[in-house]
Amino acid sequence: MDAATTSAAANQSKREFLIKQHYETKLQSVTEQLQLSDGRYTRLHKEFELLKELLMETIQDKDKVARESEQLKTRNSQLQEELAAAKEDTRAQVEMMTNYMKSLDQGR
């Protein structure tokens, strides 16, 4: 019985060692996966932050362009009005000069 007990204890000890080794290997594998996931998360988070900044800059640029476009449209309208007024003034002056020239011709 003494040999059987020793053999059983050795088998028990060997089983415990194998189970411990199995779980240590499993724990190491899970730890490695966690480290890889953390690395991926860190990389993706940095990329997300960069894209977020780029998006914010793009939105600001878009708003700036929209404001500038409105200002240019307003300025264009003002210049169109000034041009129309200048054309009308020039037309009136030409008409007045034409009438004056006609009156000079008729006076001869």
N, C-alpha and C. Protein backbone atom coordinates (compact mmCIF):
# COMPACT_ATOMS: atom_id res chain seq x y z
N MET A 1 0.81 -1.18 0.00
CA MET A 1 0.00 0.00 0.00
C MET A 1 0.86 1.25 0.00
N ASP A 2 1.99 1.16 0.61
CA ASP A 2 2.87 2.32 0.71
C ASP A 2 3.35 2.74 -0.68
N ALA A 3 3.65 1.78 -1.52
CA ALA A 3 4.10 2.08 -2.88
C ALA A 3 2.95 2.63 -3.70
N ALA A 4 1.75 2.10 -3.48
CA ALA A 4 0.57 2.57 -4.20
C ALA A 4 0.24 4.00 -3.79
N THR A 5 0.38 4.32 -2.53
CA THR A 5 0.11 5.66 -2.03
C THR A 5 1.13 6.64 -2.60
N THR A 6 2.39 6.21 -2.63
CA THR A 6 3.45 7.05 -3.17
C THR A 6 3.21 7.29 -4.66
N SER A 7 2.81 6.23 -5.37
CA SER A 7 2.53 6.33 -6.80
C SER A 7 1.34 7.25 -7.04
N ALA A 8 0.31 7.12 -6.22
CA ALA A 8 -0.89 7.96 -6.35
C ALA A 8 -0.53 9.42 -6.06
N ALA A 9 0.32 9.63 -5.04
CA ALA A 9 0.74 10.99 -4.70
C ALA A 9 1.57 11.58 -5.83
N ALA A 10 2.42 10.76 -6.44
CA ALA A 10 3.25 11.23 -7.56
C ALA A 10 2.37 11.59 -8.75
N ASN A 11 1.37 10.72 -9.02
CA ASN A 11 0.43 11.00 -10.11
C ASN A 11 -0.36 12.28 -9.83
N GLN A 12 -0.79 12.43 -8.58
CA GLN A 12 -1.53 13.63 -8.18
C GLN A 12 -0.66 14.87 -8.36
N SER A 13 0.58 14.78 -7.93
CA SER A 13 1.52 15.90 -8.04
C SER A 13 1.78 16.23 -9.51
N LYS A 14 1.92 15.17 -10.34
CA LYS A 14 2.17 15.38 -11.77
C LYS A 14 0.95 16.04 -12.42
N ARG A 15 -0.25 15.59 -12.05
CA ARG A 15 -1.49 16.18 -12.59
C ARG A 15 -1.60 17.65 -12.19
N GLU A 16 -1.30 17.95 -10.93
CA GLU A 16 -1.35 19.33 -10.46
C GLU A 16 -0.36 20.20 -11.23
N PHE A 17 0.84 19.65 -11.47
CA PHE A 17 1.86 20.39 -12.22
C PHE A 17 1.39 20.66 -13.65
N LEU A 18 0.82 19.63 -14.29
CA LEU A 18 0.33 19.79 -15.67
C LEU A 18 -0.83 20.79 -15.74
N ILE A 19 -1.74 20.71 -14.77
CA ILE A 19 -2.86 21.65 -14.74
C ILE A 19 -2.34 23.07 -14.53
N LYS A 20 -1.40 23.23 -13.58
CA LYS A 20 -0.81 24.53 -13.31
C LYS A 20 -0.11 25.07 -14.55
N GLN A 21 0.64 24.21 -15.23
CA GLN A 21 1.36 24.61 -16.44
C GLN A 21 0.37 25.02 -17.53
N HIS A 22 -0.72 24.26 -17.67
CA HIS A 22 -1.75 24.57 -18.66
C HIS A 22 -2.34 25.96 -18.41
N TYR A 23 -2.72 26.23 -17.18
CA TYR A 23 -3.34 27.52 -16.86
C TYR A 23 -2.34 28.67 -16.94
N GLU A 24 -1.09 28.42 -16.61
CA GLU A 24 -0.07 29.46 -16.77
C GLU A 24 0.12 29.82 -18.24
N THR A 25 0.14 28.78 -19.09
CA THR A 25 0.25 29.00 -20.54
C THR A 25 -0.97 29.78 -21.05
N LYS A 26 -2.14 29.38 -20.58
CA LYS A 26 -3.38 30.05 -20.97
C LYS A 26 -3.35 31.52 -20.51
N LEU A 27 -2.91 31.76 -19.28
CA LEU A 27 -2.81 33.11 -18.73
C LEU A 27 -1.82 33.95 -19.54
N GLN A 28 -0.71 33.36 -19.90
CA GLN A 28 0.29 34.07 -20.70
C GLN A 28 -0.29 34.43 -22.07
N SER A 29 -1.03 33.51 -22.67
CA SER A 29 -1.65 33.76 -23.97
C SER A 29 -2.66 34.91 -23.88
N VAL A 30 -3.49 34.88 -22.85
CA VAL A 30 -4.49 35.93 -22.66
C VAL A 30 -3.81 37.28 -22.40
N THR A 31 -2.73 37.26 -21.63
CA THR A 31 -1.97 38.49 -21.36
C THR A 31 -1.40 39.07 -22.64
N GLU A 32 -0.86 38.21 -23.50
CA GLU A 32 -0.32 38.67 -24.79
C GLU A 32 -1.42 39.28 -25.65
N GLN A 33 -2.58 38.61 -25.68
CA GLN A 33 -3.71 39.14 -26.46
C GLN A 33 -4.15 40.50 -25.92
N LEU A 34 -4.15 40.63 -24.60
CA LEU A 34 -4.52 41.90 -23.98
C LEU A 34 -3.53 43.00 -24.36
N GLN A 35 -2.26 42.68 -24.35
CA GLN A 35 -1.24 43.66 -24.72
C GLN A 35 -1.40 44.08 -26.19
N LEU A 36 -1.67 43.10 -27.05
CA LEU A 36 -1.90 43.42 -28.47
C LEU A 36 -3.13 44.31 -28.63
N SER A 37 -4.19 43.97 -27.90
CA SER A 37 -5.41 44.78 -27.97
C SER A 37 -5.16 46.18 -27.45
N ASP A 38 -4.41 46.30 -26.36
CA ASP A 38 -4.09 47.62 -25.83
C ASP A 38 -3.29 48.43 -26.85
N GLY A 39 -2.34 47.78 -27.50
CA GLY A 39 -1.54 48.46 -28.53
C GLY A 39 -2.41 48.93 -29.69
N ARG A 40 -3.32 48.06 -30.12
CA ARG A 40 -4.24 48.42 -31.21
C ARG A 40 -5.14 49.57 -30.78
N TYR A 41 -5.64 49.48 -29.55
CA TYR A 41 -6.51 50.55 -29.04
C TYR A 41 -5.76 51.88 -29.03
N THR A 42 -4.54 51.87 -28.55
CA THR A 42 -3.74 53.09 -28.47
C THR A 42 -3.52 53.67 -29.86
N ARG A 43 -3.16 52.82 -30.81
CA ARG A 43 -2.93 53.27 -32.18
C ARG A 43 -4.21 53.83 -32.80
N LEU A 44 -5.32 53.11 -32.62
CA LEU A 44 -6.58 53.56 -33.19
C LEU A 44 -7.08 54.84 -32.51
N HIS A 45 -6.83 54.96 -31.22
CA HIS A 45 -7.24 56.17 -30.51
C HIS A 45 -6.46 57.38 -31.03
N LYS A 46 -5.17 57.21 -31.26
CA LYS A 46 -4.36 58.31 -31.81
C LYS A 46 -4.86 58.68 -33.20
N GLU A 47 -5.15 57.66 -34.00
CA GLU A 47 -5.66 57.92 -35.36
C GLU A 47 -7.00 58.64 -35.29
N PHE A 48 -7.85 58.21 -34.36
CA PHE A 48 -9.15 58.86 -34.18
C PHE A 48 -8.96 60.33 -33.80
N GLU A 49 -8.06 60.61 -32.89
CA GLU A 49 -7.82 61.99 -32.47
C GLU A 49 -7.31 62.84 -33.64
N LEU A 50 -6.41 62.27 -34.44
CA LEU A 50 -5.90 63.00 -35.61
C LEU A 50 -7.02 63.29 -36.61
N LEU A 51 -7.86 62.28 -36.85
CA LEU A 51 -8.97 62.46 -37.78
C LEU A 51 -9.98 63.47 -37.24
N LYS A 52 -10.19 63.45 -35.94
CA LYS A 52 -11.10 64.41 -35.31
C LYS A 52 -10.57 65.83 -35.50
N GLU A 53 -9.27 66.03 -35.27
CA GLU A 53 -8.66 67.35 -35.46
C GLU A 53 -8.78 67.78 -36.92
N LEU A 54 -8.51 66.85 -37.84
CA LEU A 54 -8.60 67.16 -39.26
C LEU A 54 -10.03 67.55 -39.63
N LEU A 55 -11.00 66.83 -39.09
CA LEU A 55 -12.40 67.15 -39.36
C LEU A 55 -12.75 68.53 -38.83
N MET A 56 -12.30 68.85 -37.63
CA MET A 56 -12.59 70.16 -37.05
C MET A 56 -11.95 71.27 -37.90
N GLU A 57 -10.72 71.06 -38.35
CA GLU A 57 -10.06 72.05 -39.21
C GLU A 57 -10.82 72.21 -40.52
N THR A 58 -11.27 71.09 -41.08
CA THR A 58 -12.02 71.12 -42.34
C THR A 58 -13.33 71.88 -42.16
N ILE A 59 -14.00 71.65 -41.04
CA ILE A 59 -15.26 72.36 -40.78
C ILE A 59 -15.00 73.85 -40.63
N GLN A 60 -13.94 74.20 -39.92
CA GLN A 60 -13.60 75.62 -39.76
C GLN A 60 -13.27 76.25 -41.11
N ASP A 61 -12.50 75.52 -41.93
CA ASP A 61 -12.17 76.04 -43.26
C ASP A 61 -13.43 76.22 -44.10
N LYS A 62 -14.34 75.25 -44.01
CA LYS A 62 -15.58 75.32 -44.77
C LYS A 62 -16.40 76.54 -44.34
N ASP A 63 -16.49 76.76 -43.03
CA ASP A 63 -17.22 77.93 -42.52
C ASP A 63 -16.56 79.22 -42.98
N LYS A 64 -15.23 79.25 -42.95
CA LYS A 64 -14.50 80.45 -43.38
C LYS A 64 -14.77 80.72 -44.86
N VAL A 65 -14.72 79.67 -45.68
CA VAL A 65 -14.98 79.82 -47.11
C VAL A 65 -16.42 80.29 -47.34
N ALA A 66 -17.36 79.77 -46.57
CA ALA A 66 -18.75 80.19 -46.72
C ALA A 66 -18.91 81.67 -46.38
N ARG A 67 -18.26 82.12 -45.29
CA ARG A 67 -18.32 83.54 -44.93
C ARG A 67 -17.69 84.41 -46.01
N GLU A 68 -16.52 83.99 -46.50
CA GLU A 68 -15.85 84.75 -47.55
C GLU A 68 -16.71 84.80 -48.81
N SER A 69 -17.36 83.70 -49.12
CA SER A 69 -18.23 83.65 -50.30
C SER A 69 -19.39 84.64 -50.15
N GLU A 70 -19.99 84.68 -48.96
CA GLU A 70 -21.07 85.63 -48.72
C GLU A 70 -20.57 87.07 -48.85
N GLN A 71 -19.39 87.34 -48.30
CA GLN A 71 -18.82 88.68 -48.40
C GLN A 71 -18.57 89.04 -49.87
N LEU A 72 -18.05 88.09 -50.63
CA LEU A 72 -17.78 88.34 -52.05
C LEU A 72 -19.07 88.56 -52.83
N LYS A 73 -20.11 87.80 -52.50
CA LYS A 73 -21.40 87.99 -53.17
C LYS A 73 -21.95 89.39 -52.88
N THR A 74 -21.84 89.80 -51.61
CA THR A 74 -22.31 91.14 -51.23
C THR A 74 -21.51 92.21 -51.97
N ARG A 75 -20.20 92.04 -51.99
CA ARG A 75 -19.33 93.01 -52.68
C ARG A 75 -19.64 93.03 -54.18
N ASN A 76 -19.88 91.86 -54.75
CA ASN A 76 -20.22 91.77 -56.17
C ASN A 76 -21.52 92.52 -56.45
N SER A 77 -22.51 92.35 -55.58
CA SER A 77 -23.78 93.07 -55.76
C SER A 77 -23.57 94.57 -55.70
N GLN A 78 -22.76 95.01 -54.73
CA GLN A 78 -22.47 96.44 -54.60
C GLN A 78 -21.79 96.96 -55.87
N LEU A 79 -20.81 96.21 -56.36
CA LEU A 79 -20.10 96.65 -57.57
C LEU A 79 -21.01 96.65 -58.79
N GLN A 80 -21.92 95.68 -58.86
CA GLN A 80 -22.89 95.66 -59.97
C GLN A 80 -23.77 96.90 -59.93
N GLU A 81 -24.20 97.27 -58.71
CA GLU A 81 -25.03 98.47 -58.56
C GLU A 81 -24.23 99.72 -58.95
N GLU A 82 -22.98 99.80 -58.50
CA GLU A 82 -22.13 100.94 -58.84
C GLU A 82 -21.91 101.01 -60.35
N LEU A 83 -21.68 99.86 -60.97
CA LEU A 83 -21.48 99.82 -62.42
C LEU A 83 -22.73 100.28 -63.16
N ALA A 84 -23.89 99.81 -62.71
CA ALA A 84 -25.14 100.22 -63.36
C ALA A 84 -25.34 101.73 -63.21
N ALA A 85 -25.03 102.25 -62.02
CA ALA A 85 -25.17 103.70 -61.80
C ALA A 85 -24.18 104.47 -62.68
N ALA A 86 -22.95 103.98 -62.79
CA ALA A 86 -21.94 104.65 -63.62
C ALA A 86 -22.36 104.61 -65.09
N LYS A 87 -22.90 103.48 -65.54
CA LYS A 87 -23.37 103.38 -66.93
C LYS A 87 -24.50 104.38 -67.18
N GLU A 88 -25.41 104.46 -66.23
CA GLU A 88 -26.53 105.39 -66.37
C GLU A 88 -26.03 106.83 -66.41
N ASP A 89 -25.08 107.16 -65.52
CA ASP A 89 -24.51 108.52 -65.52
C ASP A 89 -23.81 108.81 -66.84
N THR A 90 -23.04 107.85 -67.33
CA THR A 90 -22.31 108.03 -68.59
C THR A 90 -23.29 108.19 -69.74
N ARG A 91 -24.34 107.36 -69.75
CA ARG A 91 -25.35 107.46 -70.80
C ARG A 91 -26.02 108.83 -70.76
N ALA A 92 -26.32 109.30 -69.55
CA ALA A 92 -26.96 110.62 -69.42
C ALA A 92 -26.03 111.72 -69.90
N GLN A 93 -24.74 111.61 -69.58
CA GLN A 93 -23.77 112.62 -70.03
C GLN A 93 -23.62 112.61 -71.54
N VAL A 94 -23.57 111.41 -72.13
CA VAL A 94 -23.46 111.30 -73.59
C VAL A 94 -24.70 111.90 -74.24
N GLU A 95 -25.85 111.61 -73.68
CA GLU A 95 -27.09 112.16 -74.23
C GLU A 95 -27.10 113.69 -74.13
N MET A 96 -26.64 114.21 -72.98
CA MET A 96 -26.59 115.65 -72.80
C MET A 96 -25.61 116.29 -73.78
N MET A 97 -24.45 115.67 -73.98
CA MET A 97 -23.46 116.19 -74.92
C MET A 97 -24.00 116.12 -76.34
N THR A 98 -24.69 115.05 -76.66
CA THR A 98 -25.28 114.91 -77.99
C THR A 98 -26.29 116.03 -78.23
N ASN A 99 -27.14 116.26 -77.25
CA ASN A 99 -28.13 117.33 -77.38
C ASN A 99 -27.45 118.69 -77.52
N TYR A 100 -26.39 118.90 -76.77
CA TYR A 100 -25.65 120.16 -76.84
C TYR A 100 -25.05 120.35 -78.23
N MET A 101 -24.46 119.26 -78.75
CA MET A 101 -23.85 119.32 -80.08
C MET A 101 -24.92 119.59 -81.14
N LYS A 102 -26.08 118.98 -80.98
CA LYS A 102 -27.18 119.22 -81.92
C LYS A 102 -27.61 120.68 -81.87
N SER A 103 -27.68 121.21 -80.64
CA SER A 103 -28.10 122.61 -80.51
C SER A 103 -27.07 123.55 -81.12
N LEU A 104 -25.78 123.20 -81.04
CA LEU A 104 -24.75 124.02 -81.67
C LEU A 104 -24.86 123.97 -83.19
N ASP A 105 -25.14 122.76 -83.71
CA ASP A 105 -25.30 122.61 -85.16
C ASP A 105 -26.51 123.39 -85.66
N GLN A 106 -27.56 123.38 -84.90
CA GLN A 106 -28.78 124.07 -85.32
C GLN A 106 -28.59 125.59 -85.25
N GLY A 107 -27.72 126.04 -84.38
CA GLY A 107 -27.46 127.47 -84.23
C GLY A 107 -26.66 128.03 -85.38
N ARG A 108 -26.05 127.29 -86.16
CA ARG A 108 -25.22 127.77 -87.28
C ARG A 108 -25.99 128.16 -88.45
